[in-house]
């Protein structure tokens, strides 16, 4: 008996991970191997070049946003270390990813995302945003992102 026959609620069956999800997991495994080979001293410089390489591979609309985010994050929190994380540009503090950029192209979504992990100091009461949809960046957006990044690493 199939899942559909058991529940009668869906005509689509689960086939496991999407191709994009599998690719991201493979990229993460490669990142971990590369980091282990490099050693801690080379990680920051090599991480920066890896991030810039990933940004350069993006379609133009996502690339423009990613380039601006990279500049904003570096200026707002120079102590964060650029690195790739599941094939995405990310920024870490003490080895833990604080924030990342997910290109809309990566998972074929209608918008890109600026996300913050639980190591980001953004707590505000009992509920707060941890990800932001991005279609473009205005000057006001850039100022808000700068403030969020500064707060995240405080």
Protein backbone atom coordinates (compact mmCIF):
# COMPACT_ATOMS: atom_id res chain seq x y z
CA UNK A 1 0.00 0.00 0.00
CA UNK A 2 1.43 3.42 -0.95
CA UNK A 3 1.42 6.56 1.24
CA UNK A 4 -1.31 7.97 -0.99
CA UNK A 5 -3.47 4.89 -0.52
CA UNK A 6 -2.94 4.96 3.27
CA UNK A 7 -3.81 8.61 3.76
CA UNK A 8 -5.85 9.41 0.67
CA UNK A 9 -4.55 13.00 0.94
CA UNK A 10 -1.83 13.35 -1.66
CA UNK A 11 -1.15 12.36 -5.22
CA UNK A 12 2.57 13.13 -4.88
CA UNK A 13 4.88 10.62 -3.23
CA UNK A 14 8.11 11.45 -1.42
CA UNK A 15 11.16 10.47 -3.43
CA UNK A 16 13.85 11.79 -1.06
CA UNK A 17 15.97 14.87 -1.47
CA UNK A 18 15.59 17.23 -4.41
CA UNK A 19 18.53 17.43 -6.83
CA UNK A 20 19.42 20.89 -5.50
CA UNK A 21 19.43 19.61 -1.90
CA UNK A 22 21.72 16.70 -2.81
CA UNK A 23 24.06 19.10 -4.62
CA UNK A 24 24.20 21.38 -1.55
CA UNK A 25 25.06 18.42 0.70
CA UNK A 26 27.83 17.36 -1.66
CA UNK A 27 29.17 20.91 -1.69
CA UNK A 28 29.20 20.92 2.12
CA UNK A 29 31.16 17.67 2.22
CA UNK A 30 33.71 19.14 -0.21
CA UNK A 31 33.95 22.31 1.88
CA UNK A 32 34.72 20.29 5.01
CA UNK A 33 37.43 18.30 3.21
CA UNK A 34 38.97 21.46 1.76
CA UNK A 35 38.99 23.18 5.16
CA UNK A 36 40.67 20.20 6.80
CA UNK A 37 43.42 20.19 4.15
CA UNK A 38 44.07 23.93 4.41
CA UNK A 39 44.59 24.30 8.12
CA UNK A 40 43.41 27.20 10.29
CA UNK A 41 45.82 29.89 9.02
CA UNK A 42 44.84 29.64 5.39
CA UNK A 43 41.12 29.35 6.11
CA UNK A 44 40.33 33.08 6.23
CA UNK A 45 42.11 34.06 2.99
CA UNK A 46 40.95 30.96 1.16
CA UNK A 47 37.42 31.37 2.52
CA UNK A 48 37.26 34.86 1.07
CA UNK A 49 38.32 33.61 -2.37
CA UNK A 50 35.82 30.74 -2.16
CA UNK A 51 33.00 33.18 -1.37
CA UNK A 52 33.98 35.51 -4.21
CA UNK A 53 34.13 32.53 -6.58
CA UNK A 54 30.61 31.41 -5.56
CA UNK A 55 29.31 34.95 -6.01
CA UNK A 56 30.87 35.17 -9.47
CA UNK A 57 29.02 31.98 -10.51
CA UNK A 58 25.60 33.44 -9.68
CA UNK A 59 23.18 34.87 -12.25
CA UNK A 60 23.54 38.66 -12.55
CA UNK A 61 20.57 39.67 -10.38
CA UNK A 62 21.68 37.45 -7.47
CA UNK A 63 25.34 38.36 -8.03
CA UNK A 64 24.61 42.09 -7.61
CA UNK A 65 22.86 41.44 -4.30
CA UNK A 66 25.55 39.03 -3.09
CA UNK A 67 28.35 41.48 -3.94
CA UNK A 68 26.63 44.27 -2.00
CA UNK A 69 25.91 41.97 0.95
CA UNK A 70 29.53 40.83 0.99
CA UNK A 71 30.72 44.44 1.16
CA UNK A 72 28.14 45.40 3.81
CA UNK A 73 28.93 42.40 6.01
CA UNK A 74 32.70 42.91 5.76
CA UNK A 75 32.35 46.62 6.63
CA UNK A 76 29.82 46.03 9.43
CA UNK A 77 31.56 43.06 11.07
CA UNK A 78 35.20 42.82 9.93
CA UNK A 79 35.85 40.04 12.46
CA UNK A 80 33.51 37.65 10.62
CA UNK A 81 35.31 35.12 8.46
CA UNK A 82 33.92 34.60 4.95
CA UNK A 83 33.46 30.96 3.99
CA UNK A 84 31.20 28.82 1.87
CA UNK A 85 28.49 26.83 3.62
CA UNK A 86 26.48 24.32 1.61
CA UNK A 87 27.80 26.14 -1.45
CA UNK A 88 26.51 29.52 -0.27
CA UNK A 89 28.44 32.62 0.83
CA UNK A 90 28.49 32.64 4.63
CA UNK A 91 30.17 34.56 7.42
CA UNK A 92 31.39 32.90 10.61
CA UNK A 93 32.51 33.92 14.07
CA UNK A 94 34.70 31.49 15.99
CA UNK A 95 33.98 28.85 13.36
CA UNK A 96 30.17 29.13 13.65
CA UNK A 97 28.17 30.54 10.75
CA UNK A 98 26.39 33.70 11.84
CA UNK A 99 24.78 34.68 8.53
CA UNK A 100 24.57 33.49 4.93
CA UNK A 101 23.23 34.43 1.52
CA UNK A 102 21.11 31.94 -0.40
CA UNK A 103 20.80 32.76 -4.08
CA UNK A 104 17.31 32.35 -5.55
CA UNK A 105 18.95 30.30 -8.26
CA UNK A 106 20.40 27.74 -5.82
CA UNK A 107 17.06 26.17 -4.90
CA UNK A 108 15.02 27.68 -7.73
CA UNK A 109 13.02 30.02 -5.51
CA UNK A 110 11.43 33.34 -6.41
CA UNK A 111 13.66 35.38 -4.07
CA UNK A 112 17.11 35.24 -2.51
CA UNK A 113 17.52 35.01 1.25
CA UNK A 114 19.74 36.60 3.87
CA UNK A 115 19.64 34.18 6.79
CA UNK A 116 20.96 34.22 10.34
CA UNK A 117 21.80 31.11 12.35
CA UNK A 118 21.22 30.62 16.05
CA UNK A 119 24.71 31.93 16.85
CA UNK A 120 23.53 35.39 15.73
CA UNK A 121 22.64 37.67 18.65
CA UNK A 122 19.26 38.78 17.26
CA UNK A 123 17.01 37.59 20.08
CA UNK A 124 14.11 39.96 20.65
CA UNK A 125 11.53 38.71 23.12
CA UNK A 126 10.04 35.33 22.31
CA UNK A 127 9.94 35.68 18.52
CA UNK A 128 12.15 37.39 15.90
CA UNK A 129 12.98 37.02 12.22
CA UNK A 130 15.95 34.86 11.30
CA UNK A 131 15.73 35.16 7.49
CA UNK A 132 14.87 37.92 5.07
CA UNK A 133 13.65 37.64 1.48
CA UNK A 134 15.63 39.79 -0.96
CA UNK A 135 14.64 40.77 -4.48
CA UNK A 136 16.88 43.86 -4.62
CA UNK A 137 18.66 46.15 -2.16
CA UNK A 138 17.76 49.77 -1.51
CA UNK A 139 19.84 52.17 0.59
CA UNK A 140 17.36 51.66 3.45
CA UNK A 141 17.71 47.86 3.13
CA UNK A 142 21.50 48.17 3.21
CA UNK A 143 21.36 50.28 6.38
CA UNK A 144 19.02 47.76 8.04
CA UNK A 145 21.26 44.84 7.03
CA UNK A 146 24.32 46.64 8.41
CA UNK A 147 22.55 47.18 11.74
CA UNK A 148 21.37 43.54 11.85
CA UNK A 149 24.88 42.21 11.16
CA UNK A 150 26.40 44.47 13.83
CA UNK A 151 23.79 43.29 16.31
CA UNK A 152 24.26 39.66 15.30
CA UNK A 153 27.94 39.72 16.28
CA UNK A 154 27.57 41.89 19.39
